[in-house]
Amino acid sequence: MPELRALPPPLVHEPWKISPLDAMEETFTPGVDYPFPYVNIVDSGKAARKKMWSHRKRSEVKREKSGILERHTSNRMRRKKQAEG
């Protein structure tokens, strides 16, 4: 991307993290020369993981889990799983 060409390599993937001093030196203004991120990756990742893991408690997911294990594991693995509880 031409607007990132002047940035030092470590900042190319996260140009909004450039320090004010470096921005002046590189004549780069975050939010003007390149947009700020639209999504906060850390927060959205946490929300997605929380939502995905919360599905494990649902009864239909538990039923599907046992069906998947039945179809995709060997008898030995199933016996071991049953013995564990």
N, C-alpha and C. Protein backbone atom coordinates (compact mmCIF):
# COMPACT_ATOMS: atom_id res chain seq x y z
N MET A 1 0.85 -1.17 0.00
CA MET A 1 0.00 0.00 0.00
C MET A 1 0.90 1.23 0.00
N PRO A 2 0.68 2.12 -0.93
CA PRO A 2 1.56 3.28 -1.05
C PRO A 2 1.58 4.17 0.19
N GLU A 3 0.46 4.28 0.90
CA GLU A 3 0.42 5.17 2.07
C GLU A 3 1.24 4.63 3.24
N LEU A 4 1.59 3.34 3.20
CA LEU A 4 2.39 2.75 4.28
C LEU A 4 3.86 2.58 3.91
N ARG A 5 4.20 2.94 2.71
CA ARG A 5 5.55 2.72 2.20
C ARG A 5 6.63 3.41 3.07
N ALA A 6 6.34 4.57 3.61
CA ALA A 6 7.34 5.33 4.37
C ALA A 6 7.52 4.82 5.80
N LEU A 7 6.63 3.97 6.26
CA LEU A 7 6.70 3.51 7.65
C LEU A 7 7.78 2.46 7.83
N PRO A 8 8.37 2.42 9.03
CA PRO A 8 9.32 1.35 9.35
C PRO A 8 8.60 -0.01 9.32
N PRO A 9 9.28 -1.07 8.92
CA PRO A 9 8.63 -2.38 8.78
C PRO A 9 7.80 -2.85 9.98
N PRO A 10 8.23 -2.65 11.23
CA PRO A 10 7.40 -3.14 12.33
C PRO A 10 6.02 -2.45 12.42
N LEU A 11 5.90 -1.27 11.85
CA LEU A 11 4.64 -0.53 11.95
C LEU A 11 3.72 -0.74 10.75
N VAL A 12 4.18 -1.41 9.73
CA VAL A 12 3.38 -1.56 8.53
C VAL A 12 2.07 -2.30 8.82
N HIS A 13 2.10 -3.27 9.71
CA HIS A 13 0.90 -4.06 10.00
C HIS A 13 -0.01 -3.42 11.03
N GLU A 14 0.50 -2.44 11.78
CA GLU A 14 -0.31 -1.72 12.77
C GLU A 14 0.09 -0.25 12.75
N PRO A 15 -0.20 0.45 11.67
CA PRO A 15 0.27 1.84 11.54
C PRO A 15 -0.32 2.80 12.55
N TRP A 16 -1.46 2.46 13.13
CA TRP A 16 -2.07 3.34 14.12
C TRP A 16 -1.30 3.36 15.43
N LYS A 17 -0.32 2.46 15.60
CA LYS A 17 0.48 2.43 16.82
C LYS A 17 1.74 3.29 16.73
N ILE A 18 1.89 4.04 15.67
CA ILE A 18 3.08 4.87 15.50
C ILE A 18 3.10 5.96 16.58
N SER A 19 4.27 6.22 17.11
CA SER A 19 4.40 7.26 18.14
C SER A 19 4.28 8.63 17.48
N PRO A 20 3.87 9.65 18.23
CA PRO A 20 3.77 10.99 17.66
C PRO A 20 5.09 11.49 17.06
N LEU A 21 6.20 11.17 17.73
CA LEU A 21 7.51 11.59 17.22
C LEU A 21 7.82 10.91 15.89
N ASP A 22 7.58 9.60 15.82
CA ASP A 22 7.81 8.88 14.57
C ASP A 22 6.87 9.37 13.47
N ALA A 23 5.64 9.68 13.83
CA ALA A 23 4.68 10.17 12.84
C ALA A 23 5.15 11.49 12.24
N MET A 24 5.68 12.36 13.08
CA MET A 24 6.20 13.64 12.56
C MET A 24 7.40 13.39 11.66
N GLU A 25 8.25 12.49 12.08
CA GLU A 25 9.45 12.18 11.31
C GLU A 25 9.11 11.56 9.96
N GLU A 26 8.10 10.71 9.93
CA GLU A 26 7.70 10.02 8.70
C GLU A 26 6.64 10.77 7.92
N THR A 27 6.18 11.92 8.44
CA THR A 27 5.05 12.69 7.86
C THR A 27 3.86 11.77 7.60
N PHE A 28 3.49 11.05 8.64
CA PHE A 28 2.37 10.12 8.59
C PHE A 28 1.43 10.48 9.72
N THR A 29 0.16 10.63 9.42
CA THR A 29 -0.83 10.95 10.44
C THR A 29 -1.86 9.82 10.51
N PRO A 30 -1.83 9.05 11.61
CA PRO A 30 -2.82 7.97 11.73
C PRO A 30 -4.24 8.54 11.72
N GLY A 31 -5.12 7.86 11.02
CA GLY A 31 -6.50 8.33 10.91
C GLY A 31 -6.70 9.27 9.74
N VAL A 32 -5.61 9.80 9.20
CA VAL A 32 -5.70 10.68 8.02
C VAL A 32 -5.06 9.97 6.82
N ASP A 33 -3.80 9.60 6.98
CA ASP A 33 -3.09 8.92 5.90
C ASP A 33 -3.52 7.46 5.77
N TYR A 34 -3.99 6.92 6.84
CA TYR A 34 -4.45 5.53 6.85
C TYR A 34 -5.51 5.44 7.95
N PRO A 35 -6.65 4.79 7.72
CA PRO A 35 -7.72 4.79 8.73
C PRO A 35 -7.35 4.00 9.99
N PHE A 36 -7.97 4.40 11.08
CA PHE A 36 -7.85 3.64 12.32
C PHE A 36 -8.60 2.31 12.13
N PRO A 37 -8.31 1.29 12.91
CA PRO A 37 -9.03 0.02 12.77
C PRO A 37 -10.52 0.20 13.06
N TYR A 38 -11.34 -0.50 12.31
CA TYR A 38 -12.79 -0.45 12.53
C TYR A 38 -13.22 -1.36 13.66
N VAL A 39 -12.44 -2.40 13.90
CA VAL A 39 -12.79 -3.41 14.91
C VAL A 39 -11.63 -3.55 15.89
N ASN A 40 -11.95 -3.58 17.16
CA ASN A 40 -10.93 -3.85 18.17
C ASN A 40 -10.76 -5.36 18.22
N ILE A 41 -9.64 -5.84 17.68
CA ILE A 41 -9.40 -7.28 17.56
C ILE A 41 -9.43 -7.99 18.91
N VAL A 42 -8.86 -7.39 19.93
CA VAL A 42 -8.80 -8.03 21.25
C VAL A 42 -10.21 -8.18 21.81
N ASP A 43 -10.98 -7.10 21.81
CA ASP A 43 -12.34 -7.15 22.37
C ASP A 43 -13.26 -8.05 21.56
N SER A 44 -13.19 -7.96 20.24
CA SER A 44 -14.07 -8.79 19.42
C SER A 44 -13.69 -10.27 19.53
N GLY A 45 -12.40 -10.56 19.67
CA GLY A 45 -11.97 -11.94 19.87
C GLY A 45 -12.48 -12.51 21.18
N LYS A 46 -12.40 -11.72 22.24
CA LYS A 46 -12.91 -12.16 23.55
C LYS A 46 -14.40 -12.43 23.48
N ALA A 47 -15.14 -11.53 22.84
CA ALA A 47 -16.59 -11.69 22.73
C ALA A 47 -16.94 -12.94 21.93
N ALA A 48 -16.23 -13.18 20.84
CA ALA A 48 -16.49 -14.35 20.00
C ALA A 48 -16.19 -15.64 20.76
N ARG A 49 -15.06 -15.68 21.47
CA ARG A 49 -14.72 -16.89 22.23
C ARG A 49 -15.75 -17.16 23.33
N LYS A 50 -16.17 -16.10 24.01
CA LYS A 50 -17.16 -16.26 25.07
C LYS A 50 -18.47 -16.82 24.51
N LYS A 51 -18.88 -16.30 23.36
CA LYS A 51 -20.11 -16.77 22.74
C LYS A 51 -19.98 -18.22 22.28
N MET A 52 -18.85 -18.55 21.66
CA MET A 52 -18.66 -19.92 21.19
C MET A 52 -18.63 -20.91 22.35
N TRP A 53 -17.88 -20.60 23.39
CA TRP A 53 -17.77 -21.53 24.52
C TRP A 53 -19.07 -21.64 25.31
N SER A 54 -19.89 -20.60 25.29
CA SER A 54 -21.16 -20.67 26.02
C SER A 54 -22.12 -21.66 25.37
N HIS A 55 -21.93 -21.96 24.09
CA HIS A 55 -22.80 -22.93 23.42
C HIS A 55 -22.59 -24.33 23.95
N ARG A 56 -21.44 -24.60 24.53
CA ARG A 56 -21.16 -25.95 25.05
C ARG A 56 -22.17 -26.37 26.11
N LYS A 57 -22.78 -25.44 26.78
CA LYS A 57 -23.71 -25.75 27.87
C LYS A 57 -25.11 -26.10 27.36
N ARG A 58 -25.39 -25.83 26.11
CA ARG A 58 -26.72 -26.07 25.55
C ARG A 58 -26.95 -27.56 25.31
N SER A 59 -28.17 -28.01 25.61
CA SER A 59 -28.48 -29.44 25.51
C SER A 59 -28.34 -29.96 24.09
N GLU A 60 -28.73 -29.20 23.08
CA GLU A 60 -28.62 -29.69 21.71
C GLU A 60 -27.16 -29.84 21.28
N VAL A 61 -26.29 -29.01 21.82
CA VAL A 61 -24.86 -29.13 21.52
C VAL A 61 -24.29 -30.38 22.19
N LYS A 62 -24.71 -30.66 23.41
CA LYS A 62 -24.25 -31.86 24.11
C LYS A 62 -24.70 -33.12 23.37
N ARG A 63 -25.94 -33.11 22.86
CA ARG A 63 -26.42 -34.27 22.09
C ARG A 63 -25.61 -34.44 20.82
N GLU A 64 -25.37 -33.36 20.12
CA GLU A 64 -24.60 -33.42 18.87
C GLU A 64 -23.17 -33.87 19.13
N LYS A 65 -22.60 -33.43 20.25
CA LYS A 65 -21.24 -33.83 20.61
C LYS A 65 -21.13 -35.35 20.74
N SER A 66 -22.09 -35.95 21.41
CA SER A 66 -22.01 -37.40 21.59
C SER A 66 -22.19 -38.12 20.24
N GLY A 67 -23.02 -37.58 19.36
CA GLY A 67 -23.17 -38.17 18.04
C GLY A 67 -21.89 -38.06 17.22
N ILE A 68 -21.22 -36.95 17.32
CA ILE A 68 -19.95 -36.76 16.60
C ILE A 68 -18.90 -37.72 17.11
N LEU A 69 -18.82 -37.86 18.43
CA LEU A 69 -17.86 -38.80 19.01
C LEU A 69 -18.17 -40.22 18.55
N GLU A 70 -19.43 -40.57 18.51
CA GLU A 70 -19.84 -41.91 18.09
C GLU A 70 -19.42 -42.18 16.65
N ARG A 71 -19.61 -41.21 15.78
CA ARG A 71 -19.29 -41.39 14.37
C ARG A 71 -17.80 -41.35 14.07
N HIS A 72 -17.04 -40.58 14.82
CA HIS A 72 -15.67 -40.28 14.42
C HIS A 72 -14.58 -40.82 15.33
N THR A 73 -14.92 -41.65 16.29
CA THR A 73 -13.89 -42.25 17.13
C THR A 73 -13.98 -43.76 17.07
N SER A 74 -12.90 -44.40 17.41
CA SER A 74 -12.88 -45.86 17.39
C SER A 74 -13.60 -46.40 18.62
N ASN A 75 -13.94 -47.66 18.59
CA ASN A 75 -14.59 -48.30 19.73
C ASN A 75 -13.73 -48.18 20.99
N ARG A 76 -12.42 -48.33 20.82
CA ARG A 76 -11.50 -48.25 21.96
C ARG A 76 -11.61 -46.87 22.62
N MET A 77 -11.65 -45.82 21.81
CA MET A 77 -11.76 -44.46 22.37
C MET A 77 -13.09 -44.27 23.07
N ARG A 78 -14.16 -44.83 22.50
CA ARG A 78 -15.48 -44.70 23.12
C ARG A 78 -15.53 -45.42 24.46
N ARG A 79 -14.96 -46.61 24.50
CA ARG A 79 -14.94 -47.35 25.78
C ARG A 79 -14.15 -46.59 26.83
N LYS A 80 -13.03 -46.01 26.42
CA LYS A 80 -12.20 -45.24 27.36
C LYS A 80 -13.00 -44.04 27.87
N LYS A 81 -13.69 -43.35 26.99
CA LYS A 81 -14.48 -42.17 27.36
C LYS A 81 -15.60 -42.56 28.31
N GLN A 82 -16.28 -43.68 28.04
CA GLN A 82 -17.36 -44.15 28.91
C GLN A 82 -16.83 -44.53 30.28
N ALA A 83 -15.65 -45.12 30.33
CA ALA A 83 -15.07 -45.53 31.61
C ALA A 83 -14.69 -44.32 32.46
N GLU A 84 -14.31 -43.21 31.78
CA GLU A 84 -13.95 -41.99 32.51
C GLU A 84 -15.16 -41.30 33.10
N GLY A 85 -16.32 -41.53 32.56
CA GLY A 85 -17.49 -40.91 33.16
C GLY A 85 -18.29 -40.21 32.19
